[in-house]
Amino acid sequence: MLERDIEHKVTEIAKKHGWLSFKFVSPAQRGVPDRIFMKDGRIVFIEFKAPGKKPTQLQDHIMRKMVDAGCEVHVCDSIEGGCNALQV
């Protein structure tokens, strides 16, 4: 399964469960997670990957900085993993 297919399906499921979702694009900062999900005051960042793939060094670095700043960040390489991160 392709990364974009996983991202699309998780986003579709999340929206059905009331999550607001935006594609996270930051022209001035590469390496940010793919999507932001928001619901009931909870904000979750998810980096989607194809099954078995890992984040790049830059992505790891940026996500560590985000976690250190108190953000909830997940790397998901399956639909199940994405749904689990969002508890849907």
N, C-alpha and C. Protein backbone atom coordinates (compact mmCIF):
# COMPACT_ATOMS: atom_id res chain seq x y z
N MET A 1 0.84 -1.18 0.00
CA MET A 1 0.00 0.00 0.00
C MET A 1 0.89 1.25 0.00
N LEU A 2 0.51 2.25 -0.74
CA LEU A 2 1.28 3.48 -0.83
C LEU A 2 0.99 4.41 0.35
N GLU A 3 1.98 5.23 0.68
CA GLU A 3 1.83 6.20 1.77
C GLU A 3 0.59 7.07 1.57
N ARG A 4 0.38 7.57 0.37
CA ARG A 4 -0.75 8.46 0.13
C ARG A 4 -2.09 7.75 0.34
N ASP A 5 -2.13 6.44 0.05
CA ASP A 5 -3.37 5.68 0.26
C ASP A 5 -3.67 5.54 1.75
N ILE A 6 -2.64 5.29 2.54
CA ILE A 6 -2.81 5.19 3.99
C ILE A 6 -3.28 6.54 4.54
N GLU A 7 -2.61 7.60 4.14
CA GLU A 7 -2.97 8.95 4.60
C GLU A 7 -4.42 9.28 4.23
N HIS A 8 -4.79 8.99 3.00
CA HIS A 8 -6.14 9.29 2.53
C HIS A 8 -7.19 8.53 3.35
N LYS A 9 -6.98 7.25 3.56
CA LYS A 9 -7.96 6.42 4.27
C LYS A 9 -8.07 6.83 5.74
N VAL A 10 -6.94 7.06 6.40
CA VAL A 10 -6.97 7.48 7.80
C VAL A 10 -7.68 8.83 7.92
N THR A 11 -7.40 9.75 7.01
CA THR A 11 -8.05 11.06 7.04
C THR A 11 -9.55 10.93 6.84
N GLU A 12 -9.95 10.08 5.92
CA GLU A 12 -11.36 9.84 5.66
C GLU A 12 -12.06 9.29 6.91
N ILE A 13 -11.46 8.31 7.55
CA ILE A 13 -12.02 7.71 8.76
C ILE A 13 -12.08 8.75 9.88
N ALA A 14 -10.99 9.50 10.04
CA ALA A 14 -10.93 10.52 11.10
C ALA A 14 -12.04 11.55 10.93
N LYS A 15 -12.25 12.02 9.72
CA LYS A 15 -13.29 13.01 9.47
C LYS A 15 -14.67 12.46 9.81
N LYS A 16 -14.90 11.19 9.55
CA LYS A 16 -16.18 10.56 9.90
C LYS A 16 -16.38 10.52 11.42
N HIS A 17 -15.28 10.57 12.17
CA HIS A 17 -15.34 10.57 13.63
C HIS A 17 -15.21 11.97 14.22
N GLY A 18 -15.37 12.99 13.38
CA GLY A 18 -15.40 14.35 13.86
C GLY A 18 -14.08 15.08 13.95
N TRP A 19 -13.01 14.48 13.43
CA TRP A 19 -11.70 15.15 13.44
C TRP A 19 -11.64 16.17 12.31
N LEU A 20 -11.03 17.31 12.58
CA LEU A 20 -10.68 18.30 11.58
C LEU A 20 -9.25 17.98 11.16
N SER A 21 -8.97 18.02 9.86
CA SER A 21 -7.64 17.65 9.40
C SER A 21 -7.16 18.58 8.31
N PHE A 22 -5.88 18.94 8.39
CA PHE A 22 -5.24 19.76 7.37
C PHE A 22 -3.93 19.12 6.95
N LYS A 23 -3.60 19.24 5.68
CA LYS A 23 -2.29 18.85 5.19
C LYS A 23 -1.31 19.87 5.75
N PHE A 24 -0.21 19.41 6.35
CA PHE A 24 0.76 20.30 6.97
C PHE A 24 1.89 20.53 5.97
N VAL A 25 1.95 21.73 5.42
CA VAL A 25 3.00 22.10 4.49
C VAL A 25 3.65 23.37 5.03
N SER A 26 4.95 23.33 5.20
CA SER A 26 5.68 24.48 5.72
C SER A 26 6.83 24.80 4.77
N PRO A 27 6.61 25.73 3.83
CA PRO A 27 7.64 26.03 2.83
C PRO A 27 9.00 26.42 3.43
N ALA A 28 8.98 27.06 4.58
CA ALA A 28 10.23 27.51 5.19
C ALA A 28 10.89 26.43 6.05
N GLN A 29 10.20 25.31 6.27
CA GLN A 29 10.74 24.25 7.14
C GLN A 29 10.40 22.88 6.58
N ARG A 30 11.36 22.25 5.96
CA ARG A 30 11.14 20.89 5.46
C ARG A 30 11.14 19.92 6.64
N GLY A 31 10.58 18.74 6.42
CA GLY A 31 10.64 17.69 7.42
C GLY A 31 9.49 17.64 8.40
N VAL A 32 8.48 18.53 8.21
CA VAL A 32 7.34 18.51 9.13
C VAL A 32 6.43 17.32 8.83
N PRO A 33 5.65 16.86 9.81
CA PRO A 33 4.73 15.74 9.57
C PRO A 33 3.71 16.06 8.48
N ASP A 34 3.11 15.02 7.92
CA ASP A 34 2.19 15.18 6.79
C ASP A 34 0.88 15.88 7.13
N ARG A 35 0.31 15.55 8.29
CA ARG A 35 -1.04 16.04 8.60
C ARG A 35 -1.16 16.47 10.05
N ILE A 36 -2.11 17.40 10.24
CA ILE A 36 -2.51 17.84 11.58
C ILE A 36 -3.98 17.43 11.74
N PHE A 37 -4.28 16.79 12.86
CA PHE A 37 -5.64 16.39 13.19
C PHE A 37 -6.04 17.09 14.48
N MET A 38 -7.28 17.62 14.53
CA MET A 38 -7.74 18.36 15.70
C MET A 38 -9.16 17.93 16.08
N LYS A 39 -9.35 17.72 17.38
CA LYS A 39 -10.69 17.37 17.87
C LYS A 39 -10.72 17.57 19.38
N ASP A 40 -11.74 18.27 19.85
CA ASP A 40 -11.97 18.45 21.29
C ASP A 40 -10.72 18.96 22.02
N GLY A 41 -10.00 19.87 21.42
CA GLY A 41 -8.81 20.44 22.05
C GLY A 41 -7.55 19.60 21.90
N ARG A 42 -7.66 18.44 21.32
CA ARG A 42 -6.50 17.57 21.09
C ARG A 42 -5.93 17.85 19.70
N ILE A 43 -4.63 18.02 19.61
CA ILE A 43 -3.97 18.25 18.33
C ILE A 43 -2.93 17.15 18.14
N VAL A 44 -3.05 16.44 17.02
CA VAL A 44 -2.17 15.30 16.73
C VAL A 44 -1.51 15.52 15.37
N PHE A 45 -0.20 15.37 15.33
CA PHE A 45 0.54 15.43 14.08
C PHE A 45 0.89 14.00 13.68
N ILE A 46 0.67 13.66 12.40
CA ILE A 46 1.01 12.32 11.92
C ILE A 46 1.88 12.41 10.67
N GLU A 47 2.99 11.70 10.72
CA GLU A 47 3.84 11.47 9.55
C GLU A 47 3.47 10.10 9.01
N PHE A 48 2.94 10.06 7.81
CA PHE A 48 2.56 8.79 7.19
C PHE A 48 3.73 8.24 6.38
N LYS A 49 3.88 6.93 6.43
CA LYS A 49 4.92 6.23 5.68
C LYS A 49 4.32 4.98 5.03
N ALA A 50 4.92 4.55 3.95
CA ALA A 50 4.55 3.26 3.37
C ALA A 50 4.95 2.18 4.36
N PRO A 51 4.27 1.03 4.32
CA PRO A 51 4.60 -0.04 5.28
C PRO A 51 6.09 -0.35 5.31
N GLY A 52 6.64 -0.36 6.53
CA GLY A 52 8.04 -0.69 6.74
C GLY A 52 9.02 0.45 6.52
N LYS A 53 8.56 1.58 6.00
CA LYS A 53 9.45 2.73 5.75
C LYS A 53 9.61 3.53 7.04
N LYS A 54 10.73 4.21 7.17
CA LYS A 54 11.06 5.01 8.35
C LYS A 54 11.21 6.48 7.97
N PRO A 55 11.03 7.38 8.94
CA PRO A 55 11.25 8.80 8.67
C PRO A 55 12.71 9.08 8.32
N THR A 56 12.92 10.15 7.56
CA THR A 56 14.28 10.58 7.25
C THR A 56 14.92 11.16 8.50
N GLN A 57 16.23 11.37 8.43
CA GLN A 57 16.94 11.99 9.56
C GLN A 57 16.35 13.36 9.88
N LEU A 58 16.06 14.15 8.85
CA LEU A 58 15.48 15.47 9.06
C LEU A 58 14.11 15.36 9.72
N GLN A 59 13.27 14.45 9.23
CA GLN A 59 11.96 14.26 9.83
C GLN A 59 12.07 13.85 11.30
N ASP A 60 12.97 12.92 11.60
CA ASP A 60 13.20 12.52 12.99
C ASP A 60 13.59 13.72 13.85
N HIS A 61 14.49 14.53 13.34
CA HIS A 61 14.97 15.70 14.07
C HIS A 61 13.82 16.68 14.36
N ILE A 62 13.03 16.98 13.34
CA ILE A 62 11.91 17.92 13.49
C ILE A 62 10.86 17.35 14.45
N MET A 63 10.53 16.07 14.31
CA MET A 63 9.53 15.47 15.19
C MET A 63 10.00 15.42 16.64
N ARG A 64 11.30 15.19 16.86
CA ARG A 64 11.85 15.22 18.23
C ARG A 64 11.69 16.61 18.84
N LYS A 65 11.97 17.64 18.02
CA LYS A 65 11.81 19.02 18.50
C LYS A 65 10.34 19.30 18.84
N MET A 66 9.45 18.78 18.04
CA MET A 66 8.02 18.98 18.29
C MET A 66 7.59 18.29 19.58
N VAL A 67 8.04 17.07 19.78
CA VAL A 67 7.73 16.33 21.01
C VAL A 67 8.31 17.06 22.22
N ASP A 68 9.54 17.54 22.09
CA ASP A 68 10.16 18.30 23.18
C ASP A 68 9.36 19.56 23.51
N ALA A 69 8.65 20.10 22.52
CA ALA A 69 7.83 21.30 22.72
C ALA A 69 6.43 20.95 23.24
N GLY A 70 6.20 19.65 23.47
CA GLY A 70 4.92 19.23 24.06
C GLY A 70 3.88 18.76 23.07
N CYS A 71 4.25 18.58 21.80
CA CYS A 71 3.31 18.14 20.78
C CYS A 71 3.16 16.62 20.78
N GLU A 72 2.00 16.18 20.34
CA GLU A 72 1.75 14.75 20.15
C GLU A 72 2.03 14.43 18.68
N VAL A 73 3.02 13.59 18.44
CA VAL A 73 3.47 13.28 17.07
C VAL A 73 3.56 11.76 16.92
N HIS A 74 3.03 11.26 15.80
CA HIS A 74 3.07 9.82 15.52
C HIS A 74 3.61 9.58 14.12
N VAL A 75 4.25 8.44 13.94
CA VAL A 75 4.64 7.95 12.62
C VAL A 75 3.80 6.71 12.38
N CYS A 76 3.05 6.70 11.28
CA CYS A 76 2.13 5.60 11.01
C CYS A 76 2.37 5.03 9.61
N ASP A 77 2.55 3.71 9.55
CA ASP A 77 2.78 3.06 8.26
C ASP A 77 1.65 2.09 7.90
N SER A 78 0.49 2.28 8.56
CA SER A 78 -0.68 1.46 8.25
C SER A 78 -1.95 2.24 8.61
N ILE A 79 -3.05 1.83 8.04
CA ILE A 79 -4.33 2.44 8.38
C ILE A 79 -4.63 2.19 9.85
N GLU A 80 -4.39 0.98 10.31
CA GLU A 80 -4.63 0.63 11.71
C GLU A 80 -3.80 1.51 12.64
N GLY A 81 -2.55 1.75 12.30
CA GLY A 81 -1.68 2.58 13.13
C GLY A 81 -2.20 4.01 13.22
N GLY A 82 -2.64 4.55 12.10
CA GLY A 82 -3.21 5.90 12.10
C GLY A 82 -4.48 5.99 12.91
N CYS A 83 -5.34 5.00 12.77
CA CYS A 83 -6.59 4.98 13.53
C CYS A 83 -6.31 4.83 15.03
N ASN A 84 -5.32 4.02 15.38
CA ASN A 84 -4.95 3.87 16.77
C ASN A 84 -4.43 5.18 17.36
N ALA A 85 -3.62 5.90 16.59
CA ALA A 85 -3.07 7.18 17.07
C ALA A 85 -4.19 8.17 17.37
N LEU A 86 -5.26 8.11 16.59
CA LEU A 86 -6.39 9.02 16.77
C LEU A 86 -7.50 8.42 17.64
N GLN A 87 -7.33 7.19 18.05
CA GLN A 87 -8.29 6.47 18.88
C GLN A 87 -9.67 6.41 18.20
N VAL A 88 -9.65 6.05 16.90
CA VAL A 88 -10.91 5.88 16.15
C VAL A 88 -11.00 4.46 15.64
